[in-house]
Amino acid sequence: MKLERAIVVFIAIISLLALTACSGGNGEQNMYNNSTNVETEPNKTETESESESHEGMNHSGSGEVPAGLKSAENPTYEVGSKVIIRADHMKGMKGAEATIVGAFSTNAYAVSYTPTTGGVKVNNHKWVIQEEVGNADSELLEPGTEITLEADHMKGMKGAKATIDSGEKTIVYMVDYTPTTGGEEVTNHKWVTENELSPLDKNNQVH
């Protein structure tokens, strides 16, 4: 009987040790998983932060226009007119009330380019005008034409190599507006085209 009782006690001790070892292994695994999560979270946050900072860029300009750019003779929207922006080039633009600061006759282009500062390629950027294209005459350039940008609307744009996606002869406007998402007023924004605007009458009614 004593021998049988000793055997039972021995088995119980072995079982207890085995359970403890398993528990410790799970603990180590949990610690590893937690460590992995801690290491990956900062990268995710950094990516989100970069995206948010790009959306929050202030696209105000100096109000200066390229040499040779001529004011439109009979623009649909005169300087000082109130309009509604229909373009959605950036967050908070579409639906914003704007004031016309300037109206100019030119060729406007949508272009794709890689910033001189590096980073992701910008596709179908609207708009760059004829006078902001290096070594370009007055002729409308064809899609696929490779150009050098003289515009500096955004960081890394000036001097960048670009490809024309589309182009049109039109009137472009410089505008002041307050984003629909709130924040500071954007002044002297370049550019929006005539078909990207809607009139706003004296009673603030959109046409």
C-alpha atoms as a PDB file:
ATOM      1  CA  MET A   1       0.000   0.000   0.000  1.00  0.00           C
ATOM      2  CA  LYS A   2       2.798   2.391   0.855  1.00  0.00           C
ATOM      3  CA  LEU A   3       4.432   1.625  -2.498  1.00  0.00           C
ATOM      4  CA  GLU A   4       1.194   2.229  -4.402  1.00  0.00           C
ATOM      5  CA  ARG A   5       0.625   5.513  -2.531  1.00  0.00           C
ATOM      6  CA  ALA A   6       4.183   6.623  -3.327  1.00  0.00           C
ATOM      7  CA  ILE A   7       3.638   5.864  -7.001  1.00  0.00           C
ATOM      8  CA  VAL A   8       0.393   7.909  -7.038  1.00  0.00           C
ATOM      9  CA  VAL A   9       2.133  10.864  -5.358  1.00  0.00           C
ATOM     10  CA  PHE A  10       5.024  10.628  -7.834  1.00  0.00           C
ATOM     11  CA  ILE A  11       2.650  10.657 -10.819  1.00  0.00           C
ATOM     12  CA  ALA A  12       0.796  13.642  -9.370  1.00  0.00           C
ATOM     13  CA  ILE A  13       4.065  15.579  -8.988  1.00  0.00           C
ATOM     14  CA  ILE A  14       5.111  14.782 -12.571  1.00  0.00           C
ATOM     15  CA  SER A  15       1.709  15.921 -13.887  1.00  0.00           C
ATOM     16  CA  LEU A  16       1.916  19.173 -11.937  1.00  0.00           C
ATOM     17  CA  LEU A  17       5.384  19.898 -13.323  1.00  0.00           C
ATOM     18  CA  ALA A  18       4.169  19.226 -16.873  1.00  0.00           C
ATOM     19  CA  LEU A  19       1.223  21.634 -16.498  1.00  0.00           C
ATOM     20  CA  THR A  20       3.523  24.346 -15.150  1.00  0.00           C
ATOM     21  CA  ALA A  21       5.876  23.944 -18.087  1.00  0.00           C
ATOM     22  CA  CYS A  22       3.005  24.258 -20.575  1.00  0.00           C
ATOM     23  CA  SER A  23       1.715  27.380 -18.855  1.00  0.00           C
ATOM     24  CA  GLY A  24       5.170  28.938 -19.009  1.00  0.00           C
ATOM     25  CA  GLY A  25       5.415  28.176 -22.723  1.00  0.00           C
ATOM     26  CA  ASN A  26       2.114  29.916 -23.414  1.00  0.00           C
ATOM     27  CA  GLY A  27       3.275  32.888 -21.385  1.00  0.00           C
ATOM     28  CA  GLU A  28       6.426  33.163 -23.466  1.00  0.00           C
ATOM     29  CA  GLN A  29       4.374  32.937 -26.654  1.00  0.00           C
ATOM     30  CA  ASN A  30       2.054  35.680 -25.431  1.00  0.00           C
ATOM     31  CA  MET A  31       5.013  37.844 -24.560  1.00  0.00           C
ATOM     32  CA  TYR A  32       6.389  37.295 -28.089  1.00  0.00           C
ATOM     33  CA  ASN A  33       3.065  38.214 -29.656  1.00  0.00           C
ATOM     34  CA  ASN A  34       2.824  41.362 -27.560  1.00  0.00           C
ATOM     35  CA  SER A  35       6.372  42.290 -28.502  1.00  0.00           C
ATOM     36  CA  THR A  36       5.565  41.809 -32.182  1.00  0.00           C
ATOM     37  CA  ASN A  37       2.511  44.062 -31.913  1.00  0.00           C
ATOM     38  CA  VAL A  38       4.506  46.784 -30.203  1.00  0.00           C
ATOM     39  CA  GLU A  39       7.107  46.711 -32.959  1.00  0.00           C
ATOM     40  CA  THR A  40       4.615  46.963 -35.845  1.00  0.00           C
ATOM     41  CA  GLU A  41       2.273  49.623 -34.487  1.00  0.00           C
ATOM     42  CA  PRO A  42       4.668  52.609 -34.879  1.00  0.00           C
ATOM     43  CA  ASN A  43       5.066  51.834 -38.606  1.00  0.00           C
ATOM     44  CA  LYS A  44       1.301  51.896 -39.072  1.00  0.00           C
ATOM     45  CA  THR A  45       1.017  55.181 -37.204  1.00  0.00           C
ATOM     46  CA  GLU A  46       3.803  56.724 -39.286  1.00  0.00           C
ATOM     47  CA  THR A  47       2.046  55.784 -42.507  1.00  0.00           C
ATOM     48  CA  GLU A  48      -1.259  57.240 -41.353  1.00  0.00           C
ATOM     49  CA  SER A  49       0.483  60.393 -40.183  1.00  0.00           C
ATOM     50  CA  GLU A  50       2.147  60.915 -43.572  1.00  0.00           C
ATOM     51  CA  SER A  51      -1.211  60.526 -45.318  1.00  0.00           C
ATOM     52  CA  GLU A  52      -2.905  63.008 -43.008  1.00  0.00           C
ATOM     53  CA  SER A  53      -0.127  65.558 -43.412  1.00  0.00           C
ATOM     54  CA  HIS A  54      -0.474  65.397 -47.192  1.00  0.00           C
ATOM     55  CA  GLU A  55      -4.217  65.975 -46.987  1.00  0.00           C
ATOM     56  CA  GLY A  56      -3.640  68.905 -44.663  1.00  0.00           C
ATOM     57  CA  MET A  57      -1.228  70.727 -46.951  1.00  0.00           C
ATOM     58  CA  ASN A  58      -2.049  74.396 -47.466  1.00  0.00           C
ATOM     59  CA  HIS A  59      -2.218  75.021 -51.196  1.00  0.00           C
ATOM     60  CA  SER A  60      -2.175  78.801 -50.958  1.00  0.00           C
ATOM     61  CA  GLY A  61      -0.053  80.653 -53.488  1.00  0.00           C
ATOM     62  CA  SER A  62       1.762  83.941 -53.728  1.00  0.00           C
ATOM     63  CA  GLY A  63      -0.606  85.452 -56.282  1.00  0.00           C
ATOM     64  CA  GLU A  64       2.209  85.861 -58.787  1.00  0.00           C
ATOM     65  CA  VAL A  65       1.536  84.532 -62.289  1.00  0.00           C
ATOM     66  CA  PRO A  66       4.019  83.219 -64.879  1.00  0.00           C
ATOM     67  CA  ALA A  67       5.541  85.657 -67.345  1.00  0.00           C
ATOM     68  CA  GLY A  68       3.533  85.941 -70.541  1.00  0.00           C
ATOM     69  CA  LEU A  69       0.228  84.812 -69.025  1.00  0.00           C
ATOM     70  CA  LYS A  70      -2.575  87.007 -70.352  1.00  0.00           C
ATOM     71  CA  SER A  71      -5.781  87.954 -68.567  1.00  0.00           C
ATOM     72  CA  ALA A  72      -8.938  86.630 -70.220  1.00  0.00           C
ATOM     73  CA  GLU A  73     -10.852  89.302 -72.152  1.00  0.00           C
ATOM     74  CA  ASN A  74     -14.382  88.072 -71.464  1.00  0.00           C
ATOM     75  CA  PRO A  75     -14.291  85.421 -68.719  1.00  0.00           C
ATOM     76  CA  THR A  76     -17.530  83.845 -67.585  1.00  0.00           C
ATOM     77  CA  TYR A  77     -16.575  84.745 -64.013  1.00  0.00           C
ATOM     78  CA  GLU A  78     -15.166  88.222 -63.435  1.00  0.00           C
ATOM     79  CA  VAL A  79     -12.582  88.992 -60.789  1.00  0.00           C
ATOM     80  CA  GLY A  80     -14.422  89.402 -57.476  1.00  0.00           C
ATOM     81  CA  SER A  81     -17.253  87.041 -58.465  1.00  0.00           C
ATOM     82  CA  LYS A  82     -18.501  84.470 -55.965  1.00  0.00           C
ATOM     83  CA  VAL A  83     -18.608  80.886 -57.220  1.00  0.00           C
ATOM     84  CA  ILE A  84     -18.919  77.309 -56.036  1.00  0.00           C
ATOM     85  CA  ILE A  85     -16.029  74.962 -56.797  1.00  0.00           C
ATOM     86  CA  ARG A  86     -17.038  71.655 -58.410  1.00  0.00           C
ATOM     87  CA  ALA A  87     -13.497  70.271 -58.666  1.00  0.00           C
ATOM     88  CA  ASP A  88     -12.218  67.807 -56.091  1.00  0.00           C
ATOM     89  CA  HIS A  89      -8.470  68.190 -56.631  1.00  0.00           C
ATOM     90  CA  MET A  90      -7.964  68.003 -52.883  1.00  0.00           C
ATOM     91  CA  LYS A  91      -9.870  67.393 -49.674  1.00  0.00           C
ATOM     92  CA  GLY A  92     -12.344  70.131 -48.769  1.00  0.00           C
ATOM     93  CA  MET A  93     -12.403  71.756 -52.206  1.00  0.00           C
ATOM     94  CA  LYS A  94     -15.559  70.343 -53.786  1.00  0.00           C
ATOM     95  CA  GLY A  95     -18.600  72.416 -52.817  1.00  0.00           C
ATOM     96  CA  ALA A  96     -16.540  75.235 -51.297  1.00  0.00           C
ATOM     97  CA  GLU A  97     -17.546  78.851 -51.873  1.00  0.00           C
ATOM     98  CA  ALA A  98     -14.784  80.784 -53.604  1.00  0.00           C
ATOM     99  CA  THR A  99     -13.896  84.256 -54.825  1.00  0.00           C
ATOM    100  CA  ILE A 100     -12.323  84.759 -58.253  1.00  0.00           C
ATOM    101  CA  VAL A 101      -8.906  86.409 -57.916  1.00  0.00           C
ATOM    102  CA  GLY A 102      -7.781  86.152 -61.544  1.00  0.00           C
ATOM    103  CA  ALA A 103      -8.941  84.804 -64.927  1.00  0.00           C
ATOM    104  CA  PHE A 104      -6.488  83.908 -67.699  1.00  0.00           C
ATOM    105  CA  SER A 105      -6.593  82.501 -71.245  1.00  0.00           C
ATOM    106  CA  THR A 106      -4.164  79.623 -71.761  1.00  0.00           C
ATOM    107  CA  ASN A 107      -3.763  75.888 -72.297  1.00  0.00           C
ATOM    108  CA  ALA A 108      -4.325  73.755 -69.197  1.00  0.00           C
ATOM    109  CA  TYR A 109      -2.822  70.302 -68.688  1.00  0.00           C
ATOM    110  CA  ALA A 110      -3.298  67.326 -66.418  1.00  0.00           C
ATOM    111  CA  VAL A 111       0.133  65.801 -65.799  1.00  0.00           C
ATOM    112  CA  SER A 112       1.803  62.892 -64.045  1.00  0.00           C
ATOM    113  CA  TYR A 113       5.198  63.358 -62.418  1.00  0.00           C
ATOM    114  CA  THR A 114       7.553  62.119 -59.725  1.00  0.00           C
ATOM    115  CA  PRO A 115       8.474  64.895 -57.232  1.00  0.00           C
ATOM    116  CA  THR A 116      12.097  66.035 -57.237  1.00  0.00           C
ATOM    117  CA  THR A 117      12.039  65.434 -53.486  1.00  0.00           C
ATOM    118  CA  GLY A 118      11.276  61.750 -54.050  1.00  0.00           C
ATOM    119  CA  GLY A 119       8.259  59.830 -52.883  1.00  0.00           C
ATOM    120  CA  VAL A 120       5.229  58.441 -54.662  1.00  0.00           C
ATOM    121  CA  LYS A 121       4.462  59.436 -58.249  1.00  0.00           C
ATOM    122  CA  VAL A 122       1.678  62.005 -58.610  1.00  0.00           C
ATOM    123  CA  ASN A 123      -0.848  60.965 -61.255  1.00  0.00           C
ATOM    124  CA  ASN A 124      -3.182  63.212 -63.252  1.00  0.00           C
ATOM    125  CA  HIS A 125      -2.395  66.411 -61.341  1.00  0.00           C
ATOM    126  CA  LYS A 126      -4.706  69.275 -62.323  1.00  0.00           C
ATOM    127  CA  TRP A 127      -3.732  71.838 -63.475  1.00  0.00           C
ATOM    128  CA  VAL A 128      -0.458  73.028 -65.002  1.00  0.00           C
ATOM    129  CA  ILE A 129      -0.720  75.758 -67.635  1.00  0.00           C
ATOM    130  CA  GLN A 130       1.260  76.409 -70.825  1.00  0.00           C
ATOM    131  CA  GLU A 131       3.364  79.128 -69.195  1.00  0.00           C
ATOM    132  CA  GLU A 132       4.454  76.677 -66.455  1.00  0.00           C
ATOM    133  CA  VAL A 133       5.958  74.186 -68.919  1.00  0.00           C
ATOM    134  CA  GLY A 134       9.652  74.523 -69.696  1.00  0.00           C
ATOM    135  CA  ASN A 135      10.574  75.386 -73.317  1.00  0.00           C
ATOM    136  CA  ALA A 136       6.967  75.232 -74.548  1.00  0.00           C
ATOM    137  CA  ASP A 137       5.580  77.539 -77.213  1.00  0.00           C
ATOM    138  CA  SER A 138       1.909  78.486 -77.521  1.00  0.00           C
ATOM    139  CA  GLU A 139       0.787  75.274 -79.266  1.00  0.00           C
ATOM    140  CA  LEU A 140      -1.383  72.821 -77.326  1.00  0.00           C
ATOM    141  CA  LEU A 141       0.804  69.849 -76.380  1.00  0.00           C
ATOM    142  CA  GLU A 142      -0.337  66.314 -77.122  1.00  0.00           C
ATOM    143  CA  PRO A 143      -0.982  63.639 -74.455  1.00  0.00           C
ATOM    144  CA  GLY A 144       2.177  61.609 -73.867  1.00  0.00           C
ATOM    145  CA  THR A 145       4.490  64.592 -74.388  1.00  0.00           C
ATOM    146  CA  GLU A 146       7.337  64.654 -71.872  1.00  0.00           C
ATOM    147  CA  ILE A 147       7.932  68.034 -70.264  1.00  0.00           C
ATOM    148  CA  THR A 148       9.749  69.768 -67.423  1.00  0.00           C
ATOM    149  CA  LEU A 149       7.556  71.542 -64.896  1.00  0.00           C
ATOM    150  CA  GLU A 150       8.233  75.143 -63.951  1.00  0.00           C
ATOM    151  CA  ALA A 151       5.177  75.313 -61.696  1.00  0.00           C
ATOM    152  CA  ASP A 152       5.773  75.265 -57.945  1.00  0.00           C
ATOM    153  CA  HIS A 153       2.227  74.679 -56.697  1.00  0.00           C
ATOM    154  CA  MET A 154       3.445  71.818 -54.499  1.00  0.00           C
ATOM    155  CA  LYS A 155       6.699  70.747 -52.914  1.00  0.00           C
ATOM    156  CA  GLY A 156       8.880  68.824 -55.364  1.00  0.00           C
ATOM    157  CA  MET A 157       6.994  69.980 -58.465  1.00  0.00           C
ATOM    158  CA  LYS A 158       9.334  72.605 -59.897  1.00  0.00           C
ATOM    159  CA  GLY A 159      11.968  71.022 -62.115  1.00  0.00           C
ATOM    160  CA  ALA A 160      10.264  67.621 -62.134  1.00  0.00           C
ATOM    161  CA  LYS A 161       9.993  65.581 -65.321  1.00  0.00           C
ATOM    162  CA  ALA A 162       6.369  65.012 -66.257  1.00  0.00           C
ATOM    163  CA  THR A 163       4.129  63.462 -68.898  1.00  0.00           C
ATOM    164  CA  ILE A 164       1.025  65.180 -70.220  1.00  0.00           C
ATOM    165  CA  ASP A 165      -2.132  63.131 -69.617  1.00  0.00           C
ATOM    166  CA  SER A 166      -4.559  65.562 -71.280  1.00  0.00           C
ATOM    167  CA  GLY A 167      -4.764  69.181 -72.342  1.00  0.00           C
ATOM    168  CA  GLU A 168      -7.303  71.806 -73.380  1.00  0.00           C
ATOM    169  CA  LYS A 169      -7.450  75.435 -74.430  1.00  0.00           C
ATOM    170  CA  THR A 170      -9.539  77.192 -71.800  1.00  0.00           C
ATOM    171  CA  ILE A 171      -9.788  79.929 -69.200  1.00  0.00           C
ATOM    172  CA  VAL A 172      -8.192  79.134 -65.872  1.00  0.00           C
ATOM    173  CA  TYR A 173      -9.004  80.862 -62.621  1.00  0.00           C
ATOM    174  CA  MET A 174      -7.074  81.704 -59.485  1.00  0.00           C
ATOM    175  CA  VAL A 175      -9.356  81.534 -56.457  1.00  0.00           C
ATOM    176  CA  ASP A 176      -9.578  82.111 -52.718  1.00  0.00           C
ATOM    177  CA  TYR A 177     -11.717  79.641 -50.773  1.00  0.00           C
ATOM    178  CA  THR A 178     -12.303  78.122 -47.358  1.00  0.00           C
ATOM    179  CA  PRO A 179     -12.298  74.296 -47.356  1.00  0.00           C
ATOM    180  CA  THR A 180     -15.613  72.626 -46.573  1.00  0.00           C
ATOM    181  CA  THR A 181     -13.701  70.554 -44.016  1.00  0.00           C
ATOM    182  CA  GLY A 182     -12.753  73.693 -42.103  1.00  0.00           C
ATOM    183  CA  GLY A 183      -9.340  75.153 -41.477  1.00  0.00           C
ATOM    184  CA  GLU A 184      -7.582  78.219 -42.839  1.00  0.00           C
ATOM    185  CA  GLU A 185      -8.613  79.986 -46.023  1.00  0.00           C
ATOM    186  CA  VAL A 186      -6.695  78.923 -49.131  1.00  0.00           C
ATOM    187  CA  THR A 187      -5.611  82.018 -51.054  1.00  0.00           C
ATOM    188  CA  ASN A 188      -4.503  82.390 -54.676  1.00  0.00           C
ATOM    189  CA  HIS A 189      -5.060  78.733 -55.471  1.00  0.00           C
ATOM    190  CA  LYS A 190      -3.842  77.751 -58.948  1.00  0.00           C
ATOM    191  CA  TRP A 191      -5.780  76.569 -60.961  1.00  0.00           C
ATOM    192  CA  VAL A 192      -9.417  75.691 -61.612  1.00  0.00           C
ATOM    193  CA  THR A 193     -10.978  75.668 -65.067  1.00  0.00           C
ATOM    194  CA  GLU A 194     -14.242  77.252 -66.143  1.00  0.00           C
ATOM    195  CA  ASN A 195     -16.166  73.973 -66.224  1.00  0.00           C
ATOM    196  CA  GLU A 196     -15.129  73.280 -62.617  1.00  0.00           C
ATOM    197  CA  LEU A 197     -17.064  76.277 -61.312  1.00  0.00           C
ATOM    198  CA  SER A 198     -20.717  77.177 -60.785  1.00  0.00           C
ATOM    199  CA  PRO A 199     -22.076  80.699 -60.206  1.00  0.00           C
ATOM    200  CA  LEU A 200     -23.347  81.922 -56.860  1.00  0.00           C
ATOM    201  CA  ASP A 201     -25.890  84.735 -56.956  1.00  0.00           C
ATOM    202  CA  LYS A 202     -26.370  87.565 -54.463  1.00  0.00           C
ATOM    203  CA  ASN A 203     -28.730  85.433 -52.399  1.00  0.00           C
ATOM    204  CA  ASN A 204     -26.054  82.712 -52.113  1.00  0.00           C
ATOM    205  CA  GLN A 205     -28.073  80.400 -54.328  1.00  0.00           C
ATOM    206  CA  VAL A 206     -26.114  77.955 -56.472  1.00  0.00           C
ATOM    207  CA  HIS A 207     -27.066  77.870 -60.149  1.00  0.00           C
END
